[in-house]
Amino acid sequence: MTDWKAKWQDTMKDLEQKRDELRVQAHLAKSEAREELTRLEGKIDELKARANKAGDQAQDVMADVSKKADIIASELKESLARIKERMKTEGTK
């Protein structure tokens, strides 16, 4: 076999081997990407669930705070009305 043919065959074998290695790496990269995407989707679902739960809890808390604020506002109005009435009656005496 001539020297250039041997070099050519060696070069081709080397290129084919590197190509095959790249194919395997590309396949593995696809698998890793799919696995990472699956993990990411799970984390997104978990985050959505936590956000929804927190939103529900916050809504419950806000409803409770609103009720208590209404009670306090009502008590303050009554107190102010009593003070105003006392001031009127004491001012006429």
N, C-alpha and C. Protein backbone atom coordinates (compact mmCIF):
# COMPACT_ATOMS: atom_id res chain seq x y z
N MET A 1 0.84 -1.16 0.00
CA MET A 1 0.00 0.00 0.00
C MET A 1 0.90 1.23 0.00
N THR A 2 0.46 2.23 -0.73
CA THR A 2 1.28 3.43 -0.80
C THR A 2 1.14 4.23 0.48
N ASP A 3 2.12 5.06 0.72
CA ASP A 3 2.19 5.85 1.95
C ASP A 3 1.00 6.80 2.08
N TRP A 4 0.60 7.45 1.01
CA TRP A 4 -0.52 8.39 1.08
C TRP A 4 -1.83 7.67 1.33
N LYS A 5 -1.99 6.44 0.78
CA LYS A 5 -3.21 5.67 1.02
C LYS A 5 -3.31 5.27 2.49
N ALA A 6 -2.21 4.88 3.08
CA ALA A 6 -2.20 4.50 4.50
C ALA A 6 -2.55 5.71 5.37
N LYS A 7 -1.96 6.85 5.03
CA LYS A 7 -2.27 8.08 5.79
C LYS A 7 -3.75 8.44 5.63
N TRP A 8 -4.23 8.32 4.41
CA TRP A 8 -5.63 8.64 4.12
C TRP A 8 -6.56 7.72 4.91
N GLN A 9 -6.27 6.44 4.92
CA GLN A 9 -7.09 5.48 5.65
C GLN A 9 -7.03 5.75 7.16
N ASP A 10 -5.86 6.06 7.67
CA ASP A 10 -5.72 6.40 9.09
C ASP A 10 -6.51 7.66 9.43
N THR A 11 -6.41 8.64 8.54
CA THR A 11 -7.15 9.89 8.76
C THR A 11 -8.65 9.63 8.74
N MET A 12 -9.10 8.85 7.79
CA MET A 12 -10.53 8.53 7.69
C MET A 12 -11.00 7.75 8.91
N LYS A 13 -10.21 6.76 9.36
CA LYS A 13 -10.57 6.00 10.56
C LYS A 13 -10.68 6.93 11.77
N ASP A 14 -9.69 7.83 11.88
CA ASP A 14 -9.69 8.78 12.99
C ASP A 14 -10.93 9.68 12.94
N LEU A 15 -11.24 10.20 11.76
CA LEU A 15 -12.42 11.06 11.61
C LEU A 15 -13.71 10.30 11.90
N GLU A 16 -13.81 9.07 11.42
CA GLU A 16 -15.00 8.26 11.67
C GLU A 16 -15.14 7.95 13.16
N GLN A 17 -14.03 7.67 13.82
CA GLN A 17 -14.07 7.40 15.26
C GLN A 17 -14.53 8.64 16.02
N LYS A 18 -13.99 9.79 15.67
CA LYS A 18 -14.40 11.04 16.33
C LYS A 18 -15.86 11.35 16.06
N ARG A 19 -16.30 11.08 14.82
CA ARG A 19 -17.71 11.28 14.48
C ARG A 19 -18.60 10.40 15.35
N ASP A 20 -18.22 9.13 15.48
CA ASP A 20 -19.00 8.19 16.29
C ASP A 20 -19.03 8.62 17.76
N GLU A 21 -17.89 9.10 18.25
CA GLU A 21 -17.84 9.59 19.63
C GLU A 21 -18.76 10.79 19.81
N LEU A 22 -18.75 11.69 18.83
CA LEU A 22 -19.64 12.85 18.90
C LEU A 22 -21.10 12.44 18.85
N ARG A 23 -21.42 11.44 18.06
CA ARG A 23 -22.80 10.95 18.02
C ARG A 23 -23.24 10.45 19.39
N VAL A 24 -22.36 9.68 20.04
CA VAL A 24 -22.68 9.16 21.37
C VAL A 24 -22.84 10.32 22.35
N GLN A 25 -21.91 11.28 22.29
CA GLN A 25 -22.00 12.43 23.20
C GLN A 25 -23.27 13.24 22.94
N ALA A 26 -23.63 13.41 21.68
CA ALA A 26 -24.85 14.14 21.34
C ALA A 26 -26.07 13.41 21.88
N HIS A 27 -26.06 12.09 21.74
CA HIS A 27 -27.18 11.30 22.26
C HIS A 27 -27.27 11.44 23.78
N LEU A 28 -26.12 11.34 24.44
CA LEU A 28 -26.10 11.49 25.90
C LEU A 28 -26.53 12.89 26.31
N ALA A 29 -26.10 13.89 25.55
CA ALA A 29 -26.49 15.27 25.85
C ALA A 29 -28.00 15.43 25.73
N LYS A 30 -28.59 14.79 24.72
CA LYS A 30 -30.04 14.85 24.57
C LYS A 30 -30.72 14.22 25.79
N SER A 31 -30.20 13.08 26.21
CA SER A 31 -30.76 12.40 27.38
C SER A 31 -30.64 13.28 28.62
N GLU A 32 -29.46 13.88 28.80
CA GLU A 32 -29.26 14.75 29.95
C GLU A 32 -30.18 15.96 29.88
N ALA A 33 -30.35 16.50 28.69
CA ALA A 33 -31.24 17.66 28.52
C ALA A 33 -32.68 17.27 28.86
N ARG A 34 -33.10 16.08 28.42
CA ARG A 34 -34.46 15.62 28.75
C ARG A 34 -34.63 15.44 30.25
N GLU A 35 -33.61 14.86 30.89
CA GLU A 35 -33.67 14.67 32.34
C GLU A 35 -33.74 16.01 33.06
N GLU A 36 -32.93 16.95 32.62
CA GLU A 36 -32.92 18.29 33.23
C GLU A 36 -34.27 18.96 33.04
N LEU A 37 -34.85 18.83 31.85
CA LEU A 37 -36.15 19.40 31.57
C LEU A 37 -37.21 18.77 32.46
N THR A 38 -37.14 17.48 32.66
CA THR A 38 -38.09 16.79 33.54
C THR A 38 -37.97 17.32 34.97
N ARG A 39 -36.72 17.48 35.45
CA ARG A 39 -36.52 18.04 36.79
C ARG A 39 -37.06 19.46 36.88
N LEU A 40 -36.81 20.25 35.84
CA LEU A 40 -37.28 21.62 35.81
C LEU A 40 -38.80 21.68 35.84
N GLU A 41 -39.44 20.83 35.06
CA GLU A 41 -40.91 20.80 35.04
C GLU A 41 -41.45 20.45 36.42
N GLY A 42 -40.80 19.51 37.11
CA GLY A 42 -41.23 19.15 38.47
C GLY A 42 -41.09 20.33 39.41
N LYS A 43 -40.00 21.06 39.29
CA LYS A 43 -39.79 22.21 40.16
C LYS A 43 -40.81 23.31 39.87
N ILE A 44 -41.13 23.50 38.60
CA ILE A 44 -42.14 24.51 38.24
C ILE A 44 -43.49 24.12 38.81
N ASP A 45 -43.85 22.85 38.69
CA ASP A 45 -45.13 22.38 39.25
C ASP A 45 -45.17 22.59 40.75
N GLU A 46 -44.06 22.28 41.43
CA GLU A 46 -43.98 22.46 42.88
C GLU A 46 -44.12 23.94 43.24
N LEU A 47 -43.45 24.80 42.49
CA LEU A 47 -43.53 26.23 42.75
C LEU A 47 -44.95 26.75 42.55
N LYS A 48 -45.62 26.29 41.50
CA LYS A 48 -47.01 26.70 41.27
C LYS A 48 -47.89 26.28 42.44
N ALA A 49 -47.71 25.04 42.89
CA ALA A 49 -48.53 24.53 43.99
C ALA A 49 -48.29 25.34 45.25
N ARG A 50 -47.01 25.64 45.54
CA ARG A 50 -46.70 26.44 46.73
C ARG A 50 -47.26 27.85 46.62
N ALA A 51 -47.16 28.44 45.43
CA ALA A 51 -47.67 29.79 45.23
C ALA A 51 -49.20 29.82 45.40
N ASN A 52 -49.87 28.81 44.85
CA ASN A 52 -51.33 28.75 45.00
C ASN A 52 -51.71 28.59 46.47
N LYS A 53 -50.99 27.72 47.18
CA LYS A 53 -51.28 27.51 48.59
C LYS A 53 -51.04 28.80 49.38
N ALA A 54 -49.92 29.46 49.09
CA ALA A 54 -49.61 30.71 49.79
C ALA A 54 -50.66 31.76 49.48
N GLY A 55 -51.12 31.79 48.23
CA GLY A 55 -52.16 32.75 47.85
C GLY A 55 -53.46 32.48 48.60
N ASP A 56 -53.82 31.21 48.71
CA ASP A 56 -55.02 30.85 49.45
C ASP A 56 -54.89 31.23 50.92
N GLN A 57 -53.73 30.95 51.49
CA GLN A 57 -53.50 31.30 52.90
C GLN A 57 -53.52 32.81 53.09
N ALA A 58 -52.91 33.52 52.17
CA ALA A 58 -52.89 34.98 52.27
C ALA A 58 -54.31 35.54 52.16
N GLN A 59 -55.10 34.94 51.30
CA GLN A 59 -56.48 35.39 51.14
C GLN A 59 -57.26 35.15 52.44
N ASP A 60 -57.06 34.00 53.06
CA ASP A 60 -57.72 33.70 54.33
C ASP A 60 -57.29 34.70 55.41
N VAL A 61 -55.99 34.98 55.46
CA VAL A 61 -55.46 35.91 56.45
C VAL A 61 -56.04 37.30 56.20
N MET A 62 -56.07 37.73 54.95
CA MET A 62 -56.59 39.06 54.63
C MET A 62 -58.08 39.15 54.98
N ALA A 63 -58.82 38.10 54.77
CA ALA A 63 -60.24 38.11 55.13
C ALA A 63 -60.38 38.26 56.64
N ASP A 64 -59.55 37.55 57.40
CA ASP A 64 -59.58 37.65 58.86
C ASP A 64 -59.19 39.05 59.32
N VAL A 65 -58.13 39.59 58.73
CA VAL A 65 -57.68 40.95 59.08
C VAL A 65 -58.78 41.96 58.75
N SER A 66 -59.42 41.78 57.63
CA SER A 66 -60.49 42.70 57.22
C SER A 66 -61.65 42.67 58.22
N LYS A 67 -62.04 41.47 58.66
CA LYS A 67 -63.11 41.35 59.65
C LYS A 67 -62.72 42.05 60.95
N LYS A 68 -61.49 41.80 61.40
CA LYS A 68 -61.04 42.42 62.64
C LYS A 68 -60.93 43.93 62.50
N ALA A 69 -60.48 44.40 61.34
CA ALA A 69 -60.39 45.84 61.12
C ALA A 69 -61.79 46.46 61.15
N ASP A 70 -62.78 45.78 60.59
CA ASP A 70 -64.15 46.29 60.62
C ASP A 70 -64.66 46.40 62.06
N ILE A 71 -64.35 45.38 62.86
CA ILE A 71 -64.77 45.40 64.27
C ILE A 71 -64.11 46.57 65.01
N ILE A 72 -62.82 46.74 64.79
CA ILE A 72 -62.09 47.82 65.46
C ILE A 72 -62.62 49.17 65.00
N ALA A 73 -62.87 49.32 63.70
CA ALA A 73 -63.40 50.57 63.18
C ALA A 73 -64.76 50.87 63.80
N SER A 74 -65.58 49.86 63.93
CA SER A 74 -66.91 50.04 64.53
C SER A 74 -66.78 50.46 65.99
N GLU A 75 -65.87 49.81 66.73
CA GLU A 75 -65.66 50.17 68.14
C GLU A 75 -65.13 51.61 68.27
N LEU A 76 -64.24 51.99 67.36
CA LEU A 76 -63.71 53.36 67.40
C LEU A 76 -64.81 54.38 67.12
N LYS A 77 -65.69 54.09 66.18
CA LYS A 77 -66.80 55.00 65.87
C LYS A 77 -67.71 55.16 67.09
N GLU A 78 -67.99 54.03 67.75
CA GLU A 78 -68.83 54.09 68.94
C GLU A 78 -68.15 54.90 70.04
N SER A 79 -66.86 54.69 70.23
CA SER A 79 -66.12 55.43 71.24
C SER A 79 -66.10 56.91 70.92
N LEU A 80 -65.86 57.25 69.69
CA LEU A 80 -65.85 58.65 69.29
C LEU A 80 -67.23 59.29 69.49
N ALA A 81 -68.28 58.53 69.18
CA ALA A 81 -69.64 59.05 69.37
C ALA A 81 -69.91 59.30 70.86
N ARG A 82 -69.44 58.37 71.73
CA ARG A 82 -69.63 58.56 73.18
C ARG A 82 -68.86 59.79 73.68
N ILE A 83 -67.62 59.93 73.18
CA ILE A 83 -66.81 61.09 73.60
C ILE A 83 -67.48 62.37 73.14
N LYS A 84 -67.95 62.37 71.93
CA LYS A 84 -68.62 63.57 71.39
C LYS A 84 -69.87 63.89 72.21
N GLU A 85 -70.62 62.87 72.55
CA GLU A 85 -71.85 63.07 73.36
C GLU A 85 -71.47 63.59 74.73
N ARG A 86 -70.44 63.06 75.38
CA ARG A 86 -70.02 63.53 76.69
C ARG A 86 -69.58 65.00 76.62
N MET A 87 -68.86 65.32 75.55
CA MET A 87 -68.40 66.70 75.41
C MET A 87 -69.58 67.65 75.26
N LYS A 88 -70.60 67.19 74.58
CA LYS A 88 -71.81 68.02 74.41
C LYS A 88 -72.49 68.21 75.74
N THR A 89 -72.67 67.13 76.48
CA THR A 89 -73.40 67.22 77.75
C THR A 89 -72.59 67.98 78.79
N GLU A 90 -71.29 67.82 78.79
CA GLU A 90 -70.45 68.55 79.75
C GLU A 90 -70.35 70.02 79.37
N GLY A 91 -70.44 70.30 78.11
CA GLY A 91 -70.36 71.69 77.65
C GLY A 91 -71.62 72.44 77.97
N THR A 92 -72.76 71.80 78.12
CA THR A 92 -74.01 72.48 78.42
C THR A 92 -74.21 72.62 79.92
N LYS A 93 -73.41 72.01 80.70
CA LYS A 93 -73.57 72.09 82.15
C LYS A 93 -72.94 73.30 82.71
